[in-house]
Amino acid sequence: MKIISFGVTKDITGSLFMDFDAGQNPLSIAELKEGLFIKYPALGELATLAFAVNNEYTTNETMVGNQDEVALIPPVSGG
C-alpha cells in the first residue's frame, strides 16, 4: 500500500510517500498502526494521529490492503 505522511508525520518518517507491504491478507488499521509504531516510535507519541484510507477517515477496525492509499494525519492547530 502507499502511505502518505503529512505535517510532523513526514518529519518522523523522513518521507512524504512510503510503500508498506500488507502481505497476502488485508490488515486492520490497528495492525498497521502497530507496525508503524514499531518502525517509527515517535508516531505513537503524538497526541492524536488520524488515518484516512482512500480519502475517507477510518477506525481501528477498517481493513486495508496493498491496493489502498493510507494517509497519516497528525494533530492540527491553528487560529
N, C-alpha and C. Protein backbone atom coordinates (compact mmCIF):
# COMPACT_ATOMS: atom_id res chain seq x y z
N MET A 1 0.85 -1.18 0.00
CA MET A 1 0.00 0.00 0.00
C MET A 1 0.88 1.23 0.00
N LYS A 2 0.33 2.32 -0.42
CA LYS A 2 1.05 3.59 -0.41
C LYS A 2 0.59 4.35 0.83
N ILE A 3 1.57 4.84 1.60
CA ILE A 3 1.28 5.64 2.78
C ILE A 3 1.79 7.06 2.52
N ILE A 4 0.92 8.03 2.78
CA ILE A 4 1.27 9.43 2.61
C ILE A 4 1.34 10.06 4.00
N SER A 5 2.45 10.72 4.28
CA SER A 5 2.66 11.35 5.59
C SER A 5 2.54 12.85 5.46
N PHE A 6 1.74 13.46 6.33
CA PHE A 6 1.56 14.90 6.33
C PHE A 6 2.14 15.51 7.60
N GLY A 7 2.54 16.78 7.52
CA GLY A 7 2.99 17.53 8.69
C GLY A 7 4.11 16.84 9.43
N VAL A 8 3.96 16.75 10.75
CA VAL A 8 5.00 16.18 11.60
C VAL A 8 5.24 14.70 11.30
N THR A 9 4.23 13.99 10.77
CA THR A 9 4.45 12.58 10.44
C THR A 9 5.46 12.44 9.32
N LYS A 10 5.50 13.42 8.43
CA LYS A 10 6.51 13.41 7.37
C LYS A 10 7.90 13.60 7.97
N ASP A 11 8.01 14.47 8.97
CA ASP A 11 9.29 14.67 9.64
C ASP A 11 9.74 13.40 10.35
N ILE A 12 8.80 12.70 10.97
CA ILE A 12 9.13 11.48 11.72
C ILE A 12 9.56 10.36 10.78
N THR A 13 8.82 10.17 9.69
CA THR A 13 9.13 9.06 8.78
C THR A 13 10.24 9.41 7.81
N GLY A 14 10.48 10.70 7.61
CA GLY A 14 11.52 11.13 6.70
C GLY A 14 11.11 11.10 5.24
N SER A 15 9.81 10.93 4.98
CA SER A 15 9.37 10.83 3.60
C SER A 15 7.90 11.20 3.48
N LEU A 16 7.54 11.81 2.37
CA LEU A 16 6.13 12.10 2.09
C LEU A 16 5.39 10.82 1.70
N PHE A 17 6.03 9.98 0.90
CA PHE A 17 5.41 8.73 0.44
C PHE A 17 6.23 7.53 0.90
N MET A 18 5.54 6.49 1.33
CA MET A 18 6.18 5.23 1.71
C MET A 18 5.37 4.08 1.12
N ASP A 19 6.05 2.99 0.84
CA ASP A 19 5.37 1.76 0.47
C ASP A 19 5.37 0.83 1.67
N PHE A 20 4.25 0.17 1.91
CA PHE A 20 4.13 -0.77 3.02
C PHE A 20 3.47 -2.02 2.46
N ASP A 21 4.12 -3.15 2.63
CA ASP A 21 3.59 -4.41 2.11
C ASP A 21 2.70 -5.06 3.16
N ALA A 22 1.42 -5.16 2.86
CA ALA A 22 0.46 -5.77 3.78
C ALA A 22 0.49 -7.29 3.68
N GLY A 23 1.19 -7.82 2.71
CA GLY A 23 1.20 -9.27 2.53
C GLY A 23 -0.02 -9.73 1.76
N GLN A 24 -0.33 -11.00 1.89
CA GLN A 24 -1.44 -11.61 1.13
C GLN A 24 -2.81 -11.18 1.65
N ASN A 25 -2.90 -10.97 2.97
CA ASN A 25 -4.20 -10.68 3.58
C ASN A 25 -4.27 -9.23 4.05
N PRO A 26 -5.46 -8.64 3.97
CA PRO A 26 -5.61 -7.26 4.46
C PRO A 26 -5.28 -7.16 5.95
N LEU A 27 -4.88 -5.96 6.36
CA LEU A 27 -4.60 -5.64 7.76
C LEU A 27 -5.66 -4.68 8.28
N SER A 28 -5.89 -4.70 9.57
CA SER A 28 -6.73 -3.66 10.16
C SER A 28 -5.86 -2.43 10.37
N ILE A 29 -6.49 -1.28 10.50
CA ILE A 29 -5.73 -0.07 10.81
C ILE A 29 -4.98 -0.25 12.12
N ALA A 30 -5.57 -0.94 13.09
CA ALA A 30 -4.89 -1.20 14.36
C ALA A 30 -3.59 -1.97 14.13
N GLU A 31 -3.61 -2.97 13.25
CA GLU A 31 -2.40 -3.74 12.95
C GLU A 31 -1.37 -2.89 12.21
N LEU A 32 -1.84 -2.06 11.29
CA LEU A 32 -0.95 -1.16 10.57
C LEU A 32 -0.29 -0.18 11.55
N LYS A 33 -1.09 0.39 12.46
CA LYS A 33 -0.54 1.30 13.47
C LYS A 33 0.57 0.61 14.26
N GLU A 34 0.30 -0.61 14.69
CA GLU A 34 1.28 -1.36 15.47
C GLU A 34 2.61 -1.47 14.72
N GLY A 35 2.53 -1.82 13.44
CA GLY A 35 3.74 -1.95 12.62
C GLY A 35 4.46 -0.62 12.45
N LEU A 36 3.69 0.44 12.22
CA LEU A 36 4.29 1.76 12.04
C LEU A 36 4.90 2.28 13.34
N PHE A 37 4.24 2.02 14.47
CA PHE A 37 4.75 2.49 15.76
C PHE A 37 6.03 1.76 16.16
N ILE A 38 6.18 0.52 15.71
CA ILE A 38 7.43 -0.20 15.97
C ILE A 38 8.56 0.41 15.13
N LYS A 39 8.26 0.67 13.87
CA LYS A 39 9.29 1.23 12.98
C LYS A 39 9.58 2.69 13.28
N TYR A 40 8.56 3.44 13.66
CA TYR A 40 8.68 4.87 13.95
C TYR A 40 8.04 5.16 15.32
N PRO A 41 8.74 4.89 16.41
CA PRO A 41 8.16 5.05 17.75
C PRO A 41 7.60 6.45 18.03
N ALA A 42 8.16 7.48 17.43
CA ALA A 42 7.68 8.84 17.67
C ALA A 42 6.25 9.04 17.18
N LEU A 43 5.80 8.23 16.21
CA LEU A 43 4.41 8.33 15.76
C LEU A 43 3.46 8.00 16.91
N GLY A 44 3.82 7.03 17.72
CA GLY A 44 2.99 6.61 18.84
C GLY A 44 2.93 7.63 19.96
N GLU A 45 3.85 8.59 19.93
CA GLU A 45 3.90 9.62 20.97
C GLU A 45 3.06 10.85 20.62
N LEU A 46 2.52 10.90 19.42
CA LEU A 46 1.69 12.05 19.03
C LEU A 46 0.39 12.05 19.83
N ALA A 47 -0.09 13.25 20.18
CA ALA A 47 -1.33 13.38 20.95
C ALA A 47 -2.50 12.73 20.23
N THR A 48 -2.58 12.93 18.94
CA THR A 48 -3.59 12.28 18.11
C THR A 48 -2.95 11.97 16.76
N LEU A 49 -3.44 10.95 16.14
CA LEU A 49 -2.99 10.60 14.79
C LEU A 49 -4.16 9.93 14.09
N ALA A 50 -4.71 10.62 13.10
CA ALA A 50 -5.83 10.08 12.35
C ALA A 50 -5.31 9.37 11.10
N PHE A 51 -6.08 8.40 10.65
CA PHE A 51 -5.77 7.67 9.43
C PHE A 51 -6.94 7.82 8.47
N ALA A 52 -6.61 7.99 7.20
CA ALA A 52 -7.63 8.01 6.15
C ALA A 52 -7.23 6.97 5.11
N VAL A 53 -8.20 6.21 4.64
CA VAL A 53 -7.96 5.21 3.61
C VAL A 53 -8.75 5.62 2.38
N ASN A 54 -8.03 5.78 1.28
CA ASN A 54 -8.67 6.18 0.02
C ASN A 54 -9.56 7.42 0.23
N ASN A 55 -9.00 8.40 0.94
CA ASN A 55 -9.63 9.70 1.18
C ASN A 55 -10.81 9.69 2.13
N GLU A 56 -10.95 8.65 2.96
CA GLU A 56 -12.02 8.61 3.95
C GLU A 56 -11.43 8.26 5.31
N TYR A 57 -11.82 9.03 6.35
CA TYR A 57 -11.35 8.72 7.69
C TYR A 57 -11.76 7.31 8.10
N THR A 58 -10.95 6.70 8.97
CA THR A 58 -11.15 5.31 9.31
C THR A 58 -11.29 5.11 10.82
N THR A 59 -11.54 3.86 11.18
CA THR A 59 -11.49 3.41 12.57
C THR A 59 -10.41 2.34 12.64
N ASN A 60 -10.09 1.90 13.85
CA ASN A 60 -9.08 0.85 14.02
C ASN A 60 -9.49 -0.46 13.35
N GLU A 61 -10.78 -0.65 13.13
CA GLU A 61 -11.28 -1.89 12.54
C GLU A 61 -11.27 -1.90 11.01
N THR A 62 -11.08 -0.74 10.40
CA THR A 62 -11.05 -0.65 8.93
C THR A 62 -9.94 -1.54 8.38
N MET A 63 -10.25 -2.30 7.35
CA MET A 63 -9.28 -3.20 6.74
C MET A 63 -8.65 -2.52 5.53
N VAL A 64 -7.33 -2.72 5.39
CA VAL A 64 -6.58 -2.14 4.27
C VAL A 64 -5.70 -3.21 3.64
N GLY A 65 -5.49 -3.06 2.34
CA GLY A 65 -4.63 -3.99 1.61
C GLY A 65 -3.64 -3.24 0.75
N ASN A 66 -2.88 -3.97 0.00
CA ASN A 66 -1.82 -3.38 -0.81
C ASN A 66 -2.32 -2.43 -1.89
N GLN A 67 -3.58 -2.52 -2.27
CA GLN A 67 -4.12 -1.65 -3.31
C GLN A 67 -4.58 -0.30 -2.75
N ASP A 68 -4.56 -0.14 -1.43
CA ASP A 68 -5.09 1.06 -0.80
C ASP A 68 -4.04 2.16 -0.61
N GLU A 69 -4.55 3.38 -0.46
CA GLU A 69 -3.72 4.54 -0.14
C GLU A 69 -4.11 5.01 1.26
N VAL A 70 -3.13 5.08 2.15
CA VAL A 70 -3.39 5.45 3.55
C VAL A 70 -2.69 6.76 3.83
N ALA A 71 -3.43 7.71 4.41
CA ALA A 71 -2.86 9.00 4.79
C ALA A 71 -2.72 9.04 6.31
N LEU A 72 -1.56 9.52 6.77
CA LEU A 72 -1.32 9.76 8.20
C LEU A 72 -1.59 11.23 8.45
N ILE A 73 -2.57 11.53 9.29
CA ILE A 73 -3.00 12.90 9.52
C ILE A 73 -2.70 13.27 10.97
N PRO A 74 -1.68 14.11 11.17
CA PRO A 74 -1.25 14.46 12.53
C PRO A 74 -2.18 15.49 13.17
N PRO A 75 -1.93 15.79 14.45
CA PRO A 75 -2.72 16.84 15.10
C PRO A 75 -2.56 18.16 14.34
N VAL A 76 -3.62 18.92 14.28
CA VAL A 76 -3.60 20.19 13.56
C VAL A 76 -3.97 21.30 14.53
N SER A 77 -3.25 22.40 14.49
CA SER A 77 -3.61 23.53 15.32
C SER A 77 -3.69 24.77 14.44
N GLY A 78 -4.34 25.76 14.95
CA GLY A 78 -4.46 26.99 14.18
C GLY A 78 -5.42 27.93 14.86
N GLY A 79 -5.61 29.05 14.23
CA GLY A 79 -6.46 30.02 14.87
C GLY A 79 -7.43 30.63 13.93
